[in-house]
Amino acid sequence: MLRITTTQAKAIRRKRADLGLTKKLACKEIGIGYVTLNNLERGEYMTKPSIYAKAMEWLAKDY
């Protein structure tokens, strides 16, 4: 299990806002479920390596 830090959570929220995505659309882009995205955006969340990788790849995309 890998931990999503508060800094990473803030980056996820900021990118979603910058792109004007709803949580539902962001879930589709990242490839995760709605509840998982809620947990990621709150931060200090332990998640599976596969979910962590999807979220970090999405953050890095376009940068």
PDB file of N, CA and C in Angstrom:
ATOM      1  N   MET A   1       0.840  -1.176   0.000  1.00  0.00           N
ATOM      2  CA  MET A   1       0.000   0.000   0.000  1.00  0.00           C
ATOM      3  C   MET A   1       0.894   1.252   0.000  1.00  0.00           C
ATOM      4  N   LEU A   2       0.468   2.237  -0.771  1.00  0.00           N
ATOM      5  CA  LEU A   2       1.202   3.502  -0.875  1.00  0.00           C
ATOM      6  C   LEU A   2       0.328   4.634  -0.349  1.00  0.00           C
ATOM      7  N   ARG A   3       0.980   5.623   0.226  1.00  0.00           N
ATOM      8  CA  ARG A   3       0.255   6.739   0.838  1.00  0.00           C
ATOM      9  C   ARG A   3       0.191   7.937  -0.108  1.00  0.00           C
ATOM     10  N   ILE A   4      -1.008   8.488  -0.257  1.00  0.00           N
ATOM     11  CA  ILE A   4      -1.207   9.749  -0.966  1.00  0.00           C
ATOM     12  C   ILE A   4      -1.025  10.853   0.073  1.00  0.00           C
ATOM     13  N   THR A   5      -0.078  11.732  -0.166  1.00  0.00           N
ATOM     14  CA  THR A   5       0.183  12.816   0.784  1.00  0.00           C
ATOM     15  C   THR A   5      -0.804  13.961   0.565  1.00  0.00           C
ATOM     16  N   THR A   6      -0.823  14.882   1.499  1.00  0.00           N
ATOM     17  CA  THR A   6      -1.702  16.040   1.344  1.00  0.00           C
ATOM     18  C   THR A   6      -1.258  16.896   0.159  1.00  0.00           C
ATOM     19  N   THR A   7       0.032  16.945  -0.117  1.00  0.00           N
ATOM     20  CA  THR A   7       0.534  17.697  -1.268  1.00  0.00           C
ATOM     21  C   THR A   7       0.059  17.069  -2.577  1.00  0.00           C
ATOM     22  N   GLN A   8       0.100  15.752  -2.663  1.00  0.00           N
ATOM     23  CA  GLN A   8      -0.379  15.058  -3.857  1.00  0.00           C
ATOM     24  C   GLN A   8      -1.886  15.235  -4.007  1.00  0.00           C
ATOM     25  N   ALA A   9      -2.612  15.173  -2.900  1.00  0.00           N
ATOM     26  CA  ALA A   9      -4.061  15.365  -2.936  1.00  0.00           C
ATOM     27  C   ALA A   9      -4.400  16.756  -3.451  1.00  0.00           C
ATOM     28  N   LYS A  10      -3.656  17.746  -2.986  1.00  0.00           N
ATOM     29  CA  LYS A  10      -3.877  19.124  -3.433  1.00  0.00           C
ATOM     30  C   LYS A  10      -3.610  19.243  -4.933  1.00  0.00           C
ATOM     31  N   ALA A  11      -2.571  18.576  -5.417  1.00  0.00           N
ATOM     32  CA  ALA A  11      -2.241  18.616  -6.842  1.00  0.00           C
ATOM     33  C   ALA A  11      -3.348  17.965  -7.678  1.00  0.00           C
ATOM     34  N   ILE A  12      -3.906  16.878  -7.187  1.00  0.00           N
ATOM     35  CA  ILE A  12      -5.006  16.214  -7.893  1.00  0.00           C
ATOM     36  C   ILE A  12      -6.217  17.141  -7.962  1.00  0.00           C
ATOM     37  N   ARG A  13      -6.576  17.749  -6.835  1.00  0.00           N
ATOM     38  CA  ARG A  13      -7.712  18.689  -6.816  1.00  0.00           C
ATOM     39  C   ARG A  13      -7.450  19.871  -7.739  1.00  0.00           C
ATOM     40  N   ARG A  14      -6.232  20.404  -7.712  1.00  0.00           N
ATOM     41  CA  ARG A  14      -5.897  21.576  -8.523  1.00  0.00           C
ATOM     42  C   ARG A  14      -5.958  21.247 -10.013  1.00  0.00           C
ATOM     43  N   LYS A  15      -5.405  20.103 -10.416  1.00  0.00           N
ATOM     44  CA  LYS A  15      -5.433  19.745 -11.834  1.00  0.00           C
ATOM     45  C   LYS A  15      -6.871  19.534 -12.306  1.00  0.00           C
ATOM     46  N   ARG A  16      -7.665  18.867 -11.482  1.00  0.00           N
ATOM     47  CA  ARG A  16      -9.072  18.646 -11.857  1.00  0.00           C
ATOM     48  C   ARG A  16      -9.784  19.983 -12.033  1.00  0.00           C
ATOM     49  N   ALA A  17      -9.526  20.924 -11.139  1.00  0.00           N
ATOM     50  CA  ALA A  17     -10.141  22.255 -11.239  1.00  0.00           C
ATOM     51  C   ALA A  17      -9.625  23.013 -12.454  1.00  0.00           C
ATOM     52  N   ASP A  18      -8.317  22.960 -12.695  1.00  0.00           N
ATOM     53  CA  ASP A  18      -7.731  23.650 -13.848  1.00  0.00           C
ATOM     54  C   ASP A  18      -8.320  23.150 -15.165  1.00  0.00           C
ATOM     55  N   LEU A  19      -8.594  21.845 -15.225  1.00  0.00           N
ATOM     56  CA  LEU A  19      -9.170  21.268 -16.440  1.00  0.00           C
ATOM     57  C   LEU A  19     -10.687  21.411 -16.495  1.00  0.00           C
ATOM     58  N   GLY A  20     -11.274  21.874 -15.398  1.00  0.00           N
ATOM     59  CA  GLY A  20     -12.730  22.045 -15.348  1.00  0.00           C
ATOM     60  C   GLY A  20     -13.473  20.727 -15.372  1.00  0.00           C
ATOM     61  N   LEU A  21     -12.886  19.693 -14.777  1.00  0.00           N
ATOM     62  CA  LEU A  21     -13.492  18.367 -14.798  1.00  0.00           C
ATOM     63  C   LEU A  21     -14.354  18.137 -13.560  1.00  0.00           C
ATOM     64  N   THR A  22     -15.483  17.510 -13.782  1.00  0.00           N
ATOM     65  CA  THR A  22     -16.255  17.028 -12.644  1.00  0.00           C
ATOM     66  C   THR A  22     -15.518  15.813 -12.094  1.00  0.00           C
ATOM     67  N   LYS A  23     -15.905  15.389 -10.913  1.00  0.00           N
ATOM     68  CA  LYS A  23     -15.278  14.188 -10.353  1.00  0.00           C
ATOM     69  C   LYS A  23     -15.541  12.979 -11.236  1.00  0.00           C
ATOM     70  N   LYS A  24     -16.741  12.914 -11.793  1.00  0.00           N
ATOM     71  CA  LYS A  24     -17.106  11.785 -12.654  1.00  0.00           C
ATOM     72  C   LYS A  24     -16.210  11.727 -13.891  1.00  0.00           C
ATOM     73  N   LEU A  25     -15.980  12.872 -14.527  1.00  0.00           N
ATOM     74  CA  LEU A  25     -15.115  12.900 -15.706  1.00  0.00           C
ATOM     75  C   LEU A  25     -13.660  12.618 -15.343  1.00  0.00           C
ATOM     76  N   ALA A  26     -13.227  13.140 -14.205  1.00  0.00           N
ATOM     77  CA  ALA A  26     -11.857  12.882 -13.756  1.00  0.00           C
ATOM     78  C   ALA A  26     -11.658  11.389 -13.496  1.00  0.00           C
ATOM     79  N   CYS A  27     -12.653  10.746 -12.922  1.00  0.00           N
ATOM     80  CA  CYS A  27     -12.567   9.305 -12.675  1.00  0.00           C
ATOM     81  C   CYS A  27     -12.356   8.540 -13.972  1.00  0.00           C
ATOM     82  N   LYS A  28     -13.087   8.936 -15.001  1.00  0.00           N
ATOM     83  CA  LYS A  28     -12.944   8.275 -16.304  1.00  0.00           C
ATOM     84  C   LYS A  28     -11.551   8.492 -16.870  1.00  0.00           C
ATOM     85  N   GLU A  29     -11.038   9.722 -16.766  1.00  0.00           N
ATOM     86  CA  GLU A  29      -9.704  10.016 -17.289  1.00  0.00           C
ATOM     87  C   GLU A  29      -8.625   9.240 -16.550  1.00  0.00           C
ATOM     88  N   ILE A  30      -8.745   9.169 -15.238  1.00  0.00           N
ATOM     89  CA  ILE A  30      -7.726   8.513 -14.425  1.00  0.00           C
ATOM     90  C   ILE A  30      -7.875   6.998 -14.476  1.00  0.00           C
ATOM     91  N   GLY A  31      -9.124   6.542 -14.585  1.00  0.00           N
ATOM     92  CA  GLY A  31      -9.389   5.104 -14.605  1.00  0.00           C
ATOM     93  C   GLY A  31      -9.606   4.524 -13.223  1.00  0.00           C
ATOM     94  N   ILE A  32     -10.233   5.327 -12.352  1.00  0.00           N
ATOM     95  CA  ILE A  32     -10.515   4.888 -10.988  1.00  0.00           C
ATOM     96  C   ILE A  32     -11.975   5.172 -10.669  1.00  0.00           C
ATOM     97  N   GLY A  33     -12.449   4.647  -9.549  1.00  0.00           N
ATOM     98  CA  GLY A  33     -13.827   4.851  -9.123  1.00  0.00           C
ATOM     99  C   GLY A  33     -14.028   6.172  -8.402  1.00  0.00           C
ATOM    100  N   TYR A  34     -15.283   6.560  -8.296  1.00  0.00           N
ATOM    101  CA  TYR A  34     -15.659   7.832  -7.673  1.00  0.00           C
ATOM    102  C   TYR A  34     -15.240   7.895  -6.207  1.00  0.00           C
ATOM    103  N   VAL A  35     -15.505   6.848  -5.465  1.00  0.00           N
ATOM    104  CA  VAL A  35     -15.145   6.815  -4.039  1.00  0.00           C
ATOM    105  C   VAL A  35     -13.634   6.903  -3.878  1.00  0.00           C
ATOM    106  N   THR A  36     -12.906   6.220  -4.743  1.00  0.00           N
ATOM    107  CA  THR A  36     -11.447   6.259  -4.686  1.00  0.00           C
ATOM    108  C   THR A  36     -10.943   7.672  -4.934  1.00  0.00           C
ATOM    109  N   LEU A  37     -11.508   8.361  -5.910  1.00  0.00           N
ATOM    110  CA  LEU A  37     -11.097   9.739  -6.173  1.00  0.00           C
ATOM    111  C   LEU A  37     -11.381  10.620  -4.962  1.00  0.00           C
ATOM    112  N   ASN A  38     -12.535  10.453  -4.344  1.00  0.00           N
ATOM    113  CA  ASN A  38     -12.840  11.216  -3.126  1.00  0.00           C
ATOM    114  C   ASN A  38     -11.765  10.989  -2.068  1.00  0.00           C
ATOM    115  N   ASN A  39     -11.382   9.746  -1.873  1.00  0.00           N
ATOM    116  CA  ASN A  39     -10.356   9.422  -0.889  1.00  0.00           C
ATOM    117  C   ASN A  39      -9.012  10.028  -1.266  1.00  0.00           C
ATOM    118  N   LEU A  40      -8.656   9.961  -2.543  1.00  0.00           N
ATOM    119  CA  LEU A  40      -7.385  10.533  -2.991  1.00  0.00           C
ATOM    120  C   LEU A  40      -7.353  12.040  -2.772  1.00  0.00           C
ATOM    121  N   GLU A  41      -8.450  12.703  -3.083  1.00  0.00           N
ATOM    122  CA  GLU A  41      -8.490  14.160  -2.951  1.00  0.00           C
ATOM    123  C   GLU A  41      -8.469  14.624  -1.497  1.00  0.00           C
ATOM    124  N   ARG A  42      -8.841  13.764  -0.580  1.00  0.00           N
ATOM    125  CA  ARG A  42      -8.765  14.115   0.842  1.00  0.00           C
ATOM    126  C   ARG A  42      -7.334  13.995   1.363  1.00  0.00           C
ATOM    127  N   GLY A  43      -6.529  13.140   0.747  1.00  0.00           N
ATOM    128  CA  GLY A  43      -5.139  12.969   1.161  1.00  0.00           C
ATOM    129  C   GLY A  43      -4.987  12.069   2.366  1.00  0.00           C
ATOM    130  N   GLU A  44      -3.716  11.787   2.687  1.00  0.00           N
ATOM    131  CA  GLU A  44      -3.371  10.888   3.787  1.00  0.00           C
ATOM    132  C   GLU A  44      -4.161   9.584   3.675  1.00  0.00           C
ATOM    133  N   TYR A  45      -4.142   9.039   2.482  1.00  0.00           N
ATOM    134  CA  TYR A  45      -4.912   7.845   2.157  1.00  0.00           C
ATOM    135  C   TYR A  45      -3.964   6.768   1.666  1.00  0.00           C
ATOM    136  N   MET A  46      -4.125   5.565   2.169  1.00  0.00           N
ATOM    137  CA  MET A  46      -3.324   4.429   1.719  1.00  0.00           C
ATOM    138  C   MET A  46      -4.059   3.747   0.566  1.00  0.00           C
ATOM    139  N   THR A  47      -3.347   3.516  -0.523  1.00  0.00           N
ATOM    140  CA  THR A  47      -3.992   2.929  -1.696  1.00  0.00           C
ATOM    141  C   THR A  47      -3.086   1.873  -2.330  1.00  0.00           C
ATOM    142  N   LYS A  48      -3.671   1.074  -3.192  1.00  0.00           N
ATOM    143  CA  LYS A  48      -2.929   0.034  -3.903  1.00  0.00           C
ATOM    144  C   LYS A  48      -1.931   0.690  -4.850  1.00  0.00           C
ATOM    145  N   PRO A  49      -0.812   0.013  -5.115  1.00  0.00           N
ATOM    146  CA  PRO A  49       0.172   0.560  -6.053  1.00  0.00           C
ATOM    147  C   PRO A  49      -0.407   0.874  -7.430  1.00  0.00           C
ATOM    148  N   SER A  50      -1.359   0.062  -7.897  1.00  0.00           N
ATOM    149  CA  SER A  50      -1.933   0.301  -9.227  1.00  0.00           C
ATOM    150  C   SER A  50      -2.741   1.602  -9.252  1.00  0.00           C
ATOM    151  N   ILE A  51      -3.480   1.896  -8.196  1.00  0.00           N
ATOM    152  CA  ILE A  51      -4.261   3.132  -8.114  1.00  0.00           C
ATOM    153  C   ILE A  51      -3.315   4.325  -7.980  1.00  0.00           C
ATOM    154  N   TYR A  52      -2.306   4.166  -7.148  1.00  0.00           N
ATOM    155  CA  TYR A  52      -1.307   5.216  -6.954  1.00  0.00           C
ATOM    156  C   TYR A  52      -0.652   5.565  -8.296  1.00  0.00           C
ATOM    157  N   ALA A  53      -0.261   4.538  -9.048  1.00  0.00           N
ATOM    158  CA  ALA A  53       0.385   4.757 -10.344  1.00  0.00           C
ATOM    159  C   ALA A  53      -0.536   5.486 -11.308  1.00  0.00           C
ATOM    160  N   LYS A  54      -1.806   5.101 -11.370  1.00  0.00           N
ATOM    161  CA  LYS A  54      -2.761   5.768 -12.256  1.00  0.00           C
ATOM    162  C   LYS A  54      -2.896   7.248 -11.907  1.00  0.00           C
ATOM    163  N   ALA A  55      -3.003   7.541 -10.616  1.00  0.00           N
ATOM    164  CA  ALA A  55      -3.164   8.932 -10.177  1.00  0.00           C
ATOM    165  C   ALA A  55      -1.916   9.753 -10.491  1.00  0.00           C
ATOM    166  N   MET A  56      -0.744   9.201 -10.247  1.00  0.00           N
ATOM    167  CA  MET A  56       0.503   9.936 -10.487  1.00  0.00           C
ATOM    168  C   MET A  56       0.766  10.104 -11.985  1.00  0.00           C
ATOM    169  N   GLU A  57       0.427   9.107 -12.779  1.00  0.00           N
ATOM    170  CA  GLU A  57       0.572   9.232 -14.238  1.00  0.00           C
ATOM    171  C   GLU A  57      -0.358  10.318 -14.767  1.00  0.00           C
ATOM    172  N   TRP A  58      -1.570  10.388 -14.244  1.00  0.00           N
ATOM    173  CA  TRP A  58      -2.518  11.420 -14.659  1.00  0.00           C
ATOM    174  C   TRP A  58      -1.994  12.793 -14.293  1.00  0.00           C
ATOM    175  N   LEU A  59      -1.416  12.914 -13.088  1.00  0.00           N
ATOM    176  CA  LEU A  59      -0.855  14.214 -12.678  1.00  0.00           C
ATOM    177  C   LEU A  59       0.286  14.633 -13.599  1.00  0.00           C
ATOM    178  N   ALA A  60       1.123  13.693 -13.975  1.00  0.00           N
ATOM    179  CA  ALA A  60       2.297  13.993 -14.798  1.00  0.00           C
ATOM    180  C   ALA A  60       1.932  14.254 -16.271  1.00  0.00           C
ATOM    181  N   LYS A  61       0.803  13.738 -16.698  1.00  0.00           N
ATOM    182  CA  LYS A  61       0.365  13.902 -18.085  1.00  0.00           C
ATOM    183  C   LYS A  61       0.194  15.390 -18.404  1.00  0.00           C
ATOM    184  N   ASP A  62       0.680  15.797 -19.542  1.00  0.00           N
ATOM    185  CA  ASP A  62       0.578  17.174 -20.029  1.00  0.00           C
ATOM    186  C   ASP A  62       1.550  18.138 -19.362  1.00  0.00           C
ATOM    187  N   TYR A  63       2.472  17.625 -18.543  1.00  0.00           N
ATOM    188  CA  TYR A  63       3.451  18.502 -17.893  1.00  0.00           C
ATOM    189  C   TYR A  63       4.838  18.143 -18.334  1.00  0.00           C
TER     190      TYR A  63
END
